[in-house]
Amino acid sequence: MLIFWAILSVGLLSLLFGLGLALAHRKLAVEKDPKIQEVEDILPQANCGACGYPGCAGYSVGLIVDDVGIDLCPPGGKKLIKKLAVMLDKEVIEGEPMIARIHCSGDLRTAKQKYNYNGINDCNQAVAMFGGSKVCSYGCVGLGSCVRACAFDAIDITKDLDVIVNEPKCTGCTLCVPVCPKDIIHMEPAKTEIFNSCSSLDKGGPTKKYCNVGCTACKLCEKACEYDAIKVENYLAIFDYEKCTHCNDCTVVCPPESIHAWMPDELKSERSEIALVDYAKAQLEKDNKKVEAKKVDTDSESNKEEKEKEKVEA
């Protein structure tokens, strides 16, 4: 009998507390602006935090309550900006789409290793052990911390630990950037086709010894570019995308092929042949000019010697 009354009293108390909570919920509830839910419904629901808010729900509140910009969601892109502009009666902001690029293409086949790493499968953990397994202190660790950070499955890793960005999938959310211990993931304009897939600041000699695809600062790309869009600084080729016309000339003359061009193979091949011929012609013209300049110098020197002899004889 005691068990029966105990169960009954607990049940009645539970019912009473439940009714109290239900009444409190109704009386103390804060009304949510229906506009917030409408905005949240059109957001990509990636909850990546690239906007600076804790997920899409937080950003929708920010848009309605704090009146923040409608261009803070990289995954949504231009389509989302246009939708938000119409819904919130704001001006459309045409921003430059950005994508992530990994400035290292050295893998197990092309870059020398100091040791075999068998620890935790995390780049930051691996770097804590003598800066990582690669001889190159600037190179990608290759353990996929950026792969796991990407919410859009836009980064792949090969069996040889070559980490590659799948550009069509990349939304520019920047989640991969802070997790890279080597700081070699850069956000760059999506319209650019060419970039240097190396981050080494070592001189050409050491770079050649430990990596077959590392930039050697040979300056051939700088010389080949007629638009002054490439400068070799601190032994590394740097692009000025404001000047770059994506002519592909630099990719042809790069000995280690560290400069990559994102374009169809057929177009790349065709443009490479043209670029190679143009570069050869330009080099021939430069050599001819040097030869002519030397002839002029030689003639002027010989004329001076003859005049001096004439003066002595006179």
C-alpha atoms as a PDB file:
ATOM      1  CA  MET A   1       0.000   0.000   0.000  1.00  0.00           C
ATOM      2  CA  LEU A   2       2.854   2.354   0.792  1.00  0.00           C
ATOM      3  CA  ILE A   3       4.293   1.783  -2.680  1.00  0.00           C
ATOM      4  CA  PHE A   4       0.950   2.716  -4.266  1.00  0.00           C
ATOM      5  CA  TRP A   5       0.743   6.038  -2.364  1.00  0.00           C
ATOM      6  CA  ALA A   6       4.377   6.822  -3.181  1.00  0.00           C
ATOM      7  CA  ILE A   7       3.797   6.289  -6.907  1.00  0.00           C
ATOM      8  CA  LEU A   8       0.568   8.312  -6.778  1.00  0.00           C
ATOM      9  CA  SER A   9       2.192  11.248  -4.965  1.00  0.00           C
ATOM     10  CA  VAL A  10       5.143  11.336  -7.373  1.00  0.00           C
ATOM     11  CA  GLY A  11       2.760  11.215 -10.337  1.00  0.00           C
ATOM     12  CA  LEU A  12       0.608  14.050  -8.979  1.00  0.00           C
ATOM     13  CA  LEU A  13       3.684  16.174  -8.250  1.00  0.00           C
ATOM     14  CA  SER A  14       4.992  15.561 -11.770  1.00  0.00           C
ATOM     15  CA  LEU A  15       1.625  16.581 -13.237  1.00  0.00           C
ATOM     16  CA  LEU A  16       1.551  19.702 -11.070  1.00  0.00           C
ATOM     17  CA  PHE A  17       5.088  20.753 -12.029  1.00  0.00           C
ATOM     18  CA  GLY A  18       4.354  20.051 -15.695  1.00  0.00           C
ATOM     19  CA  LEU A  19       1.273  22.285 -15.617  1.00  0.00           C
ATOM     20  CA  GLY A  20       3.322  24.979 -13.859  1.00  0.00           C
ATOM     21  CA  LEU A  21       6.023  24.866 -16.542  1.00  0.00           C
ATOM     22  CA  ALA A  22       3.425  24.981 -19.313  1.00  0.00           C
ATOM     23  CA  LEU A  23       1.769  28.048 -17.777  1.00  0.00           C
ATOM     24  CA  ALA A  24       5.154  29.725 -17.236  1.00  0.00           C
ATOM     25  CA  HIS A  25       6.106  29.055 -20.841  1.00  0.00           C
ATOM     26  CA  ARG A  26       2.947  30.792 -22.048  1.00  0.00           C
ATOM     27  CA  LYS A  27       3.118  33.730 -19.657  1.00  0.00           C
ATOM     28  CA  LEU A  28       6.869  34.364 -19.833  1.00  0.00           C
ATOM     29  CA  ALA A  29       7.477  33.472 -23.489  1.00  0.00           C
ATOM     30  CA  VAL A  30       9.290  36.079 -25.594  1.00  0.00           C
ATOM     31  CA  GLU A  31       7.649  36.514 -28.963  1.00  0.00           C
ATOM     32  CA  LYS A  32      10.006  35.768 -31.831  1.00  0.00           C
ATOM     33  CA  ASP A  33       9.859  37.947 -34.888  1.00  0.00           C
ATOM     34  CA  PRO A  34       8.473  35.709 -37.668  1.00  0.00           C
ATOM     35  CA  LYS A  35      10.868  37.472 -40.036  1.00  0.00           C
ATOM     36  CA  ILE A  36      13.792  35.835 -38.206  1.00  0.00           C
ATOM     37  CA  GLN A  37      12.453  32.372 -38.987  1.00  0.00           C
ATOM     38  CA  GLU A  38      11.830  33.334 -42.620  1.00  0.00           C
ATOM     39  CA  VAL A  39      15.425  34.519 -42.963  1.00  0.00           C
ATOM     40  CA  GLU A  40      16.790  31.429 -41.224  1.00  0.00           C
ATOM     41  CA  ASP A  41      14.872  29.179 -43.622  1.00  0.00           C
ATOM     42  CA  ILE A  42      16.690  30.563 -46.687  1.00  0.00           C
ATOM     43  CA  LEU A  43      20.149  30.365 -45.121  1.00  0.00           C
ATOM     44  CA  PRO A  44      22.289  27.354 -46.186  1.00  0.00           C
ATOM     45  CA  GLN A  45      22.130  25.750 -42.682  1.00  0.00           C
ATOM     46  CA  ALA A  46      25.841  25.019 -42.802  1.00  0.00           C
ATOM     47  CA  ASN A  47      26.351  26.480 -39.317  1.00  0.00           C
ATOM     48  CA  CYS A  48      29.983  27.113 -40.244  1.00  0.00           C
ATOM     49  CA  GLY A  49      30.316  30.350 -38.277  1.00  0.00           C
ATOM     50  CA  ALA A  50      32.029  32.195 -41.142  1.00  0.00           C
ATOM     51  CA  CYS A  51      29.583  35.074 -40.644  1.00  0.00           C
ATOM     52  CA  GLY A  52      30.837  35.613 -37.104  1.00  0.00           C
ATOM     53  CA  TYR A  53      27.639  34.327 -35.489  1.00  0.00           C
ATOM     54  CA  PRO A  54      27.009  30.954 -33.796  1.00  0.00           C
ATOM     55  CA  GLY A  55      25.375  29.263 -36.754  1.00  0.00           C
ATOM     56  CA  CYS A  56      22.659  30.253 -39.197  1.00  0.00           C
ATOM     57  CA  ALA A  57      20.108  30.887 -36.435  1.00  0.00           C
ATOM     58  CA  GLY A  58      22.427  33.444 -34.853  1.00  0.00           C
ATOM     59  CA  TYR A  59      23.040  35.169 -38.194  1.00  0.00           C
ATOM     60  CA  SER A  60      19.303  35.396 -38.900  1.00  0.00           C
ATOM     61  CA  VAL A  61      18.841  37.174 -35.561  1.00  0.00           C
ATOM     62  CA  GLY A  62      21.727  39.472 -36.397  1.00  0.00           C
ATOM     63  CA  LEU A  63      20.171  40.371 -39.744  1.00  0.00           C
ATOM     64  CA  ILE A  64      16.836  41.351 -38.202  1.00  0.00           C
ATOM     65  CA  VAL A  65      17.798  42.654 -34.764  1.00  0.00           C
ATOM     66  CA  ASP A  66      21.319  44.037 -35.296  1.00  0.00           C
ATOM     67  CA  ASP A  67      20.868  44.995 -38.952  1.00  0.00           C
ATOM     68  CA  VAL A  68      24.202  43.441 -39.966  1.00  0.00           C
ATOM     69  CA  GLY A  69      25.371  43.097 -43.561  1.00  0.00           C
ATOM     70  CA  ILE A  70      23.696  40.685 -45.935  1.00  0.00           C
ATOM     71  CA  ASP A  71      27.060  39.654 -47.422  1.00  0.00           C
ATOM     72  CA  LEU A  72      28.497  37.834 -44.398  1.00  0.00           C
ATOM     73  CA  CYS A  73      27.582  34.308 -45.521  1.00  0.00           C
ATOM     74  CA  PRO A  74      30.229  32.960 -47.967  1.00  0.00           C
ATOM     75  CA  PRO A  75      28.481  29.589 -48.499  1.00  0.00           C
ATOM     76  CA  GLY A  76      25.303  31.347 -49.631  1.00  0.00           C
ATOM     77  CA  GLY A  77      27.120  33.318 -52.309  1.00  0.00           C
ATOM     78  CA  LYS A  78      25.522  35.821 -54.643  1.00  0.00           C
ATOM     79  CA  LYS A  79      22.198  33.974 -54.783  1.00  0.00           C
ATOM     80  CA  LEU A  80      21.663  34.346 -51.038  1.00  0.00           C
ATOM     81  CA  ILE A  81      22.669  38.005 -51.119  1.00  0.00           C
ATOM     82  CA  LYS A  82      20.045  38.700 -53.777  1.00  0.00           C
ATOM     83  CA  LYS A  83      17.364  36.816 -51.805  1.00  0.00           C
ATOM     84  CA  LEU A  84      18.181  38.666 -48.596  1.00  0.00           C
ATOM     85  CA  ALA A  85      18.251  41.994 -50.440  1.00  0.00           C
ATOM     86  CA  VAL A  86      14.706  41.399 -51.710  1.00  0.00           C
ATOM     87  CA  MET A  87      13.399  40.054 -48.384  1.00  0.00           C
ATOM     88  CA  LEU A  88      14.952  42.783 -46.229  1.00  0.00           C
ATOM     89  CA  ASP A  89      14.642  45.593 -48.790  1.00  0.00           C
ATOM     90  CA  LYS A  90      18.386  46.250 -48.930  1.00  0.00           C
ATOM     91  CA  GLU A  91      20.835  47.106 -51.658  1.00  0.00           C
ATOM     92  CA  VAL A  92      22.525  44.177 -53.399  1.00  0.00           C
ATOM     93  CA  ILE A  93      26.221  44.001 -52.508  1.00  0.00           C
ATOM     94  CA  GLU A  94      28.392  42.551 -55.267  1.00  0.00           C
ATOM     95  CA  GLY A  95      31.374  41.084 -53.427  1.00  0.00           C
ATOM     96  CA  GLU A  96      34.356  39.236 -54.878  1.00  0.00           C
ATOM     97  CA  PRO A  97      33.891  35.453 -54.426  1.00  0.00           C
ATOM     98  CA  MET A  98      36.881  33.945 -52.637  1.00  0.00           C
ATOM     99  CA  ILE A  99      38.127  30.368 -52.492  1.00  0.00           C
ATOM    100  CA  ALA A 100      40.772  28.555 -50.473  1.00  0.00           C
ATOM    101  CA  ARG A 101      44.054  27.541 -52.060  1.00  0.00           C
ATOM    102  CA  ILE A 102      46.726  25.387 -50.480  1.00  0.00           C
ATOM    103  CA  HIS A 103      50.174  26.750 -51.300  1.00  0.00           C
ATOM    104  CA  CYS A 104      52.035  23.464 -51.186  1.00  0.00           C
ATOM    105  CA  SER A 105      51.910  20.486 -53.547  1.00  0.00           C
ATOM    106  CA  GLY A 106      54.753  18.466 -52.088  1.00  0.00           C
ATOM    107  CA  ASP A 107      53.631  14.953 -51.124  1.00  0.00           C
ATOM    108  CA  LEU A 108      55.314  11.668 -50.208  1.00  0.00           C
ATOM    109  CA  ARG A 109      56.494  11.221 -53.808  1.00  0.00           C
ATOM    110  CA  THR A 110      57.956  14.687 -54.373  1.00  0.00           C
ATOM    111  CA  ALA A 111      59.033  15.982 -50.947  1.00  0.00           C
ATOM    112  CA  LYS A 112      61.634  14.386 -48.685  1.00  0.00           C
ATOM    113  CA  GLN A 113      60.675  13.296 -45.168  1.00  0.00           C
ATOM    114  CA  LYS A 114      62.758  13.591 -41.995  1.00  0.00           C
ATOM    115  CA  TYR A 115      61.012  10.662 -40.329  1.00  0.00           C
ATOM    116  CA  ASN A 116      57.888   8.493 -40.494  1.00  0.00           C
ATOM    117  CA  TYR A 117      55.143   9.974 -38.346  1.00  0.00           C
ATOM    118  CA  ASN A 118      52.896   7.447 -36.575  1.00  0.00           C
ATOM    119  CA  GLY A 119      51.196   9.673 -34.021  1.00  0.00           C
ATOM    120  CA  ILE A 120      47.790  11.365 -33.736  1.00  0.00           C
ATOM    121  CA  ASN A 121      46.239  12.043 -37.121  1.00  0.00           C
ATOM    122  CA  ASP A 122      46.238  15.823 -36.704  1.00  0.00           C
ATOM    123  CA  CYS A 123      48.467  18.437 -38.344  1.00  0.00           C
ATOM    124  CA  ASN A 124      48.853  20.566 -35.212  1.00  0.00           C
ATOM    125  CA  GLN A 125      49.893  17.556 -33.172  1.00  0.00           C
ATOM    126  CA  ALA A 126      52.403  16.450 -35.807  1.00  0.00           C
ATOM    127  CA  VAL A 127      53.991  19.908 -36.016  1.00  0.00           C
ATOM    128  CA  ALA A 128      54.729  19.732 -32.293  1.00  0.00           C
ATOM    129  CA  MET A 129      57.256  17.003 -33.135  1.00  0.00           C
ATOM    130  CA  PHE A 130      60.217  18.806 -34.746  1.00  0.00           C
ATOM    131  CA  GLY A 131      57.966  20.920 -36.985  1.00  0.00           C
ATOM    132  CA  GLY A 132      56.475  17.964 -38.825  1.00  0.00           C
ATOM    133  CA  SER A 133      57.882  15.063 -40.825  1.00  0.00           C
ATOM    134  CA  LYS A 134      58.865  17.032 -43.944  1.00  0.00           C
ATOM    135  CA  VAL A 135      62.348  18.394 -44.457  1.00  0.00           C
ATOM    136  CA  CYS A 136      60.722  21.580 -45.771  1.00  0.00           C
ATOM    137  CA  SER A 137      59.725  23.626 -42.732  1.00  0.00           C
ATOM    138  CA  TYR A 138      57.092  25.487 -44.767  1.00  0.00           C
ATOM    139  CA  GLY A 139      55.363  22.481 -46.335  1.00  0.00           C
ATOM    140  CA  CYS A 140      51.912  20.996 -45.826  1.00  0.00           C
ATOM    141  CA  VAL A 141      51.828  18.393 -43.052  1.00  0.00           C
ATOM    142  CA  GLY A 142      49.245  16.392 -45.000  1.00  0.00           C
ATOM    143  CA  LEU A 143      47.250  14.870 -42.141  1.00  0.00           C
ATOM    144  CA  GLY A 144      43.950  16.461 -43.144  1.00  0.00           C
ATOM    145  CA  SER A 145      43.056  18.873 -40.334  1.00  0.00           C
ATOM    146  CA  CYS A 146      41.672  21.185 -43.019  1.00  0.00           C
ATOM    147  CA  VAL A 147      39.754  18.287 -44.585  1.00  0.00           C
ATOM    148  CA  ARG A 148      37.941  17.633 -41.313  1.00  0.00           C
ATOM    149  CA  ALA A 149      37.321  21.353 -40.738  1.00  0.00           C
ATOM    150  CA  CYS A 150      35.591  21.806 -44.115  1.00  0.00           C
ATOM    151  CA  ALA A 151      31.812  21.550 -43.763  1.00  0.00           C
ATOM    152  CA  PHE A 152      31.296  21.260 -47.520  1.00  0.00           C
ATOM    153  CA  ASP A 153      33.561  18.323 -48.418  1.00  0.00           C
ATOM    154  CA  ALA A 154      35.597  20.657 -50.632  1.00  0.00           C
ATOM    155  CA  ILE A 155      39.067  19.407 -49.632  1.00  0.00           C
ATOM    156  CA  ASP A 156      40.451  16.012 -50.605  1.00  0.00           C
ATOM    157  CA  ILE A 157      43.605  14.190 -49.550  1.00  0.00           C
ATOM    158  CA  THR A 158      45.366  11.570 -51.676  1.00  0.00           C
ATOM    159  CA  LYS A 159      47.112   8.405 -50.515  1.00  0.00           C
ATOM    160  CA  ASP A 160      50.426  10.259 -50.933  1.00  0.00           C
ATOM    161  CA  LEU A 161      49.218  12.988 -48.550  1.00  0.00           C
ATOM    162  CA  ASP A 162      48.694  15.610 -51.244  1.00  0.00           C
ATOM    163  CA  VAL A 163      45.900  17.907 -50.038  1.00  0.00           C
ATOM    164  CA  ILE A 164      43.790  19.410 -52.845  1.00  0.00           C
ATOM    165  CA  VAL A 165      40.933  21.921 -52.806  1.00  0.00           C
ATOM    166  CA  ASN A 166      37.954  20.983 -54.972  1.00  0.00           C
ATOM    167  CA  GLU A 167      37.345  24.526 -56.160  1.00  0.00           C
ATOM    168  CA  PRO A 168      33.771  24.095 -57.493  1.00  0.00           C
ATOM    169  CA  LYS A 169      32.719  22.898 -54.019  1.00  0.00           C
ATOM    170  CA  CYS A 170      34.609  25.566 -52.056  1.00  0.00           C
ATOM    171  CA  THR A 171      32.274  28.218 -50.610  1.00  0.00           C
ATOM    172  CA  GLY A 172      34.959  30.478 -49.190  1.00  0.00           C
ATOM    173  CA  CYS A 173      33.834  29.919 -45.599  1.00  0.00           C
ATOM    174  CA  THR A 174      37.485  30.185 -44.351  1.00  0.00           C
ATOM    175  CA  LEU A 175      37.044  27.347 -41.814  1.00  0.00           C
ATOM    176  CA  CYS A 176      40.142  25.598 -43.145  1.00  0.00           C
ATOM    177  CA  VAL A 177      42.433  28.620 -42.770  1.00  0.00           C
ATOM    178  CA  PRO A 178      42.866  28.801 -38.968  1.00  0.00           C
ATOM    179  CA  VAL A 179      43.390  25.049 -38.492  1.00  0.00           C
ATOM    180  CA  CYS A 180      46.498  24.958 -40.704  1.00  0.00           C
ATOM    181  CA  PRO A 181      49.604  25.125 -38.472  1.00  0.00           C
ATOM    182  CA  LYS A 182      51.791  26.148 -41.414  1.00  0.00           C
ATOM    183  CA  ASP A 183      49.567  29.075 -42.535  1.00  0.00           C
ATOM    184  CA  ILE A 184      49.727  27.969 -46.163  1.00  0.00           C
ATOM    185  CA  ILE A 185      45.977  28.079 -46.911  1.00  0.00           C
ATOM    186  CA  HIS A 186      45.133  31.446 -48.433  1.00  0.00           C
ATOM    187  CA  MET A 187      41.816  32.914 -49.537  1.00  0.00           C
ATOM    188  CA  GLU A 188      42.140  34.162 -53.108  1.00  0.00           C
ATOM    189  CA  PRO A 189      39.738  35.519 -55.757  1.00  0.00           C
ATOM    190  CA  ALA A 190      37.796  32.676 -57.344  1.00  0.00           C
ATOM    191  CA  LYS A 191      38.252  34.187 -60.806  1.00  0.00           C
ATOM    192  CA  THR A 192      42.026  33.695 -60.702  1.00  0.00           C
ATOM    193  CA  GLU A 193      43.239  30.644 -62.584  1.00  0.00           C
ATOM    194  CA  ILE A 194      46.923  30.661 -61.669  1.00  0.00           C
ATOM    195  CA  PHE A 195      48.778  30.478 -58.357  1.00  0.00           C
ATOM    196  CA  ASN A 196      52.103  29.389 -56.918  1.00  0.00           C
ATOM    197  CA  SER A 197      51.624  26.114 -55.051  1.00  0.00           C
ATOM    198  CA  CYS A 198      54.715  26.621 -52.904  1.00  0.00           C
ATOM    199  CA  SER A 199      55.369  28.526 -49.682  1.00  0.00           C
ATOM    200  CA  SER A 200      59.083  27.890 -49.178  1.00  0.00           C
ATOM    201  CA  LEU A 201      61.237  30.911 -48.383  1.00  0.00           C
ATOM    202  CA  ASP A 202      64.448  28.905 -48.671  1.00  0.00           C
ATOM    203  CA  LYS A 203      66.958  29.561 -51.431  1.00  0.00           C
ATOM    204  CA  GLY A 204      66.727  27.594 -54.661  1.00  0.00           C
ATOM    205  CA  GLY A 205      69.597  25.225 -53.866  1.00  0.00           C
ATOM    206  CA  PRO A 206      68.208  23.788 -50.613  1.00  0.00           C
ATOM    207  CA  THR A 207      64.676  23.716 -52.038  1.00  0.00           C
ATOM    208  CA  LYS A 208      65.798  21.544 -54.973  1.00  0.00           C
ATOM    209  CA  LYS A 209      67.387  19.059 -52.587  1.00  0.00           C
ATOM    210  CA  TYR A 210      64.268  18.372 -50.539  1.00  0.00           C
ATOM    211  CA  CYS A 211      61.377  19.038 -52.950  1.00  0.00           C
ATOM    212  CA  ASN A 212      60.898  18.352 -56.657  1.00  0.00           C
ATOM    213  CA  VAL A 213      57.964  20.765 -56.997  1.00  0.00           C
ATOM    214  CA  GLY A 214      59.222  23.646 -54.843  1.00  0.00           C
ATOM    215  CA  CYS A 215      59.745  27.198 -56.107  1.00  0.00           C
ATOM    216  CA  THR A 216      63.472  27.770 -56.694  1.00  0.00           C
ATOM    217  CA  ALA A 217      63.252  31.558 -57.176  1.00  0.00           C
ATOM    218  CA  CYS A 218      64.753  31.203 -60.666  1.00  0.00           C
ATOM    219  CA  LYS A 219      62.780  34.289 -61.823  1.00  0.00           C
ATOM    220  CA  LEU A 220      61.905  32.725 -65.179  1.00  0.00           C
ATOM    221  CA  CYS A 221      58.226  33.375 -64.469  1.00  0.00           C
ATOM    222  CA  GLU A 222      58.989  36.994 -63.599  1.00  0.00           C
ATOM    223  CA  LYS A 223      60.910  37.452 -66.846  1.00  0.00           C
ATOM    224  CA  ALA A 224      58.259  35.678 -68.928  1.00  0.00           C
ATOM    225  CA  CYS A 225      55.389  37.821 -67.616  1.00  0.00           C
ATOM    226  CA  GLU A 226      54.979  40.901 -69.797  1.00  0.00           C
ATOM    227  CA  TYR A 227      52.331  42.322 -67.467  1.00  0.00           C
ATOM    228  CA  ASP A 228      54.628  42.634 -64.436  1.00  0.00           C
ATOM    229  CA  ALA A 229      52.223  40.444 -62.463  1.00  0.00           C
ATOM    230  CA  ILE A 230      54.858  38.250 -60.797  1.00  0.00           C
ATOM    231  CA  LYS A 231      57.644  39.285 -58.467  1.00  0.00           C
ATOM    232  CA  VAL A 232      60.097  36.988 -56.719  1.00  0.00           C
ATOM    233  CA  GLU A 233      60.333  38.155 -53.112  1.00  0.00           C
ATOM    234  CA  ASN A 234      62.202  36.306 -50.362  1.00  0.00           C
ATOM    235  CA  TYR A 235      62.946  33.478 -52.827  1.00  0.00           C
ATOM    236  CA  LEU A 236      59.258  32.958 -53.631  1.00  0.00           C
ATOM    237  CA  ALA A 237      57.191  33.951 -56.693  1.00  0.00           C
ATOM    238  CA  ILE A 238      54.313  36.219 -55.616  1.00  0.00           C
ATOM    239  CA  PHE A 239      51.338  37.042 -57.855  1.00  0.00           C
ATOM    240  CA  ASP A 240      49.706  40.446 -58.226  1.00  0.00           C
ATOM    241  CA  TYR A 241      46.197  39.411 -59.265  1.00  0.00           C
ATOM    242  CA  GLU A 242      45.278  42.983 -60.155  1.00  0.00           C
ATOM    243  CA  LYS A 243      47.761  42.756 -63.033  1.00  0.00           C
ATOM    244  CA  CYS A 244      47.526  39.037 -63.890  1.00  0.00           C
ATOM    245  CA  THR A 245      45.722  38.312 -67.175  1.00  0.00           C
ATOM    246  CA  HIS A 246      45.935  34.495 -66.835  1.00  0.00           C
ATOM    247  CA  CYS A 247      47.968  34.265 -70.035  1.00  0.00           C
ATOM    248  CA  ASN A 248      49.605  31.069 -68.717  1.00  0.00           C
ATOM    249  CA  ASP A 249      53.107  32.109 -69.829  1.00  0.00           C
ATOM    250  CA  CYS A 250      54.516  31.612 -66.334  1.00  0.00           C
ATOM    251  CA  THR A 251      53.316  28.013 -66.069  1.00  0.00           C
ATOM    252  CA  VAL A 252      55.259  27.071 -69.199  1.00  0.00           C
ATOM    253  CA  VAL A 253      58.638  28.335 -68.058  1.00  0.00           C
ATOM    254  CA  CYS A 254      58.426  27.131 -64.438  1.00  0.00           C
ATOM    255  CA  PRO A 255      61.021  24.282 -64.137  1.00  0.00           C
ATOM    256  CA  PRO A 256      59.530  22.552 -61.051  1.00  0.00           C
ATOM    257  CA  GLU A 257      55.942  23.260 -62.189  1.00  0.00           C
ATOM    258  CA  SER A 258      55.101  24.837 -58.857  1.00  0.00           C
ATOM    259  CA  ILE A 259      52.914  27.391 -60.649  1.00  0.00           C
ATOM    260  CA  HIS A 260      49.529  25.824 -61.292  1.00  0.00           C
ATOM    261  CA  ALA A 261      46.891  26.919 -63.776  1.00  0.00           C
ATOM    262  CA  TRP A 262      43.260  25.975 -63.163  1.00  0.00           C
ATOM    263  CA  MET A 263      41.960  25.546 -66.701  1.00  0.00           C
ATOM    264  CA  PRO A 264      40.953  22.710 -69.079  1.00  0.00           C
ATOM    265  CA  ASP A 265      43.887  20.565 -70.206  1.00  0.00           C
ATOM    266  CA  GLU A 266      43.143  21.237 -73.881  1.00  0.00           C
ATOM    267  CA  LEU A 267      43.205  25.007 -73.368  1.00  0.00           C
ATOM    268  CA  LYS A 268      46.259  24.811 -71.144  1.00  0.00           C
ATOM    269  CA  SER A 269      48.137  22.749 -73.749  1.00  0.00           C
ATOM    270  CA  GLU A 270      47.207  25.104 -76.568  1.00  0.00           C
ATOM    271  CA  ARG A 271      48.107  28.223 -74.614  1.00  0.00           C
ATOM    272  CA  SER A 272      51.303  26.589 -73.346  1.00  0.00           C
ATOM    273  CA  GLU A 273      52.552  25.972 -76.890  1.00  0.00           C
ATOM    274  CA  ILE A 274      51.818  29.570 -77.860  1.00  0.00           C
ATOM    275  CA  ALA A 275      53.408  30.882 -74.677  1.00  0.00           C
ATOM    276  CA  LEU A 276      56.512  28.748 -75.199  1.00  0.00           C
ATOM    277  CA  VAL A 277      56.998  30.053 -78.748  1.00  0.00           C
ATOM    278  CA  ASP A 278      56.409  33.656 -77.656  1.00  0.00           C
ATOM    279  CA  TYR A 279      58.829  33.298 -74.771  1.00  0.00           C
ATOM    280  CA  ALA A 280      61.497  31.775 -77.036  1.00  0.00           C
ATOM    281  CA  LYS A 281      61.067  34.672 -79.488  1.00  0.00           C
ATOM    282  CA  ALA A 282      61.306  37.220 -76.699  1.00  0.00           C
ATOM    283  CA  GLN A 283      64.471  35.599 -75.334  1.00  0.00           C
ATOM    284  CA  LEU A 284      66.005  35.537 -78.829  1.00  0.00           C
ATOM    285  CA  GLU A 285      65.245  39.237 -79.283  1.00  0.00           C
ATOM    286  CA  LYS A 286      66.818  40.027 -75.902  1.00  0.00           C
ATOM    287  CA  ASP A 287      69.932  38.005 -76.788  1.00  0.00           C
ATOM    288  CA  ASN A 288      70.222  39.756 -80.166  1.00  0.00           C
ATOM    289  CA  LYS A 289      69.949  43.153 -78.480  1.00  0.00           C
ATOM    290  CA  LYS A 290      72.690  42.172 -76.023  1.00  0.00           C
ATOM    291  CA  VAL A 291      74.941  41.052 -78.893  1.00  0.00           C
ATOM    292  CA  GLU A 292      74.317  44.311 -80.776  1.00  0.00           C
ATOM    293  CA  ALA A 293      75.025  46.333 -77.635  1.00  0.00           C
ATOM    294  CA  LYS A 294      78.316  44.472 -77.133  1.00  0.00           C
ATOM    295  CA  LYS A 295      79.280  45.137 -80.798  1.00  0.00           C
ATOM    296  CA  VAL A 296      78.582  48.851 -80.334  1.00  0.00           C
ATOM    297  CA  ASP A 297      80.708  48.907 -77.171  1.00  0.00           C
ATOM    298  CA  THR A 298      83.522  47.024 -78.918  1.00  0.00           C
ATOM    299  CA  ASP A 299      83.430  49.368 -81.939  1.00  0.00           C
ATOM    300  CA  SER A 300      83.484  52.446 -79.738  1.00  0.00           C
ATOM    301  CA  GLU A 301      86.427  51.088 -77.751  1.00  0.00           C
ATOM    302  CA  SER A 302      88.364  50.252 -80.919  1.00  0.00           C
ATOM    303  CA  ASN A 303      87.663  53.738 -82.299  1.00  0.00           C
ATOM    304  CA  LYS A 304      88.983  55.262 -79.094  1.00  0.00           C
ATOM    305  CA  GLU A 305      92.163  53.173 -79.304  1.00  0.00           C
ATOM    306  CA  GLU A 306      92.740  54.207 -82.948  1.00  0.00           C
ATOM    307  CA  LYS A 307      92.267  57.895 -82.088  1.00  0.00           C
ATOM    308  CA  GLU A 308      94.701  57.601 -79.173  1.00  0.00           C
ATOM    309  CA  LYS A 309      97.281  55.926 -81.483  1.00  0.00           C
ATOM    310  CA  GLU A 310      96.851  58.727 -84.039  1.00  0.00           C
ATOM    311  CA  LYS A 311      97.397  61.317 -81.311  1.00  0.00           C
ATOM    312  CA  VAL A 312     100.571  59.535 -80.133  1.00  0.00           C
ATOM    313  CA  GLU A 313     101.948  59.253 -83.678  1.00  0.00           C
ATOM    314  CA  ALA A 314     101.168  62.917 -84.371  1.00  0.00           C
END
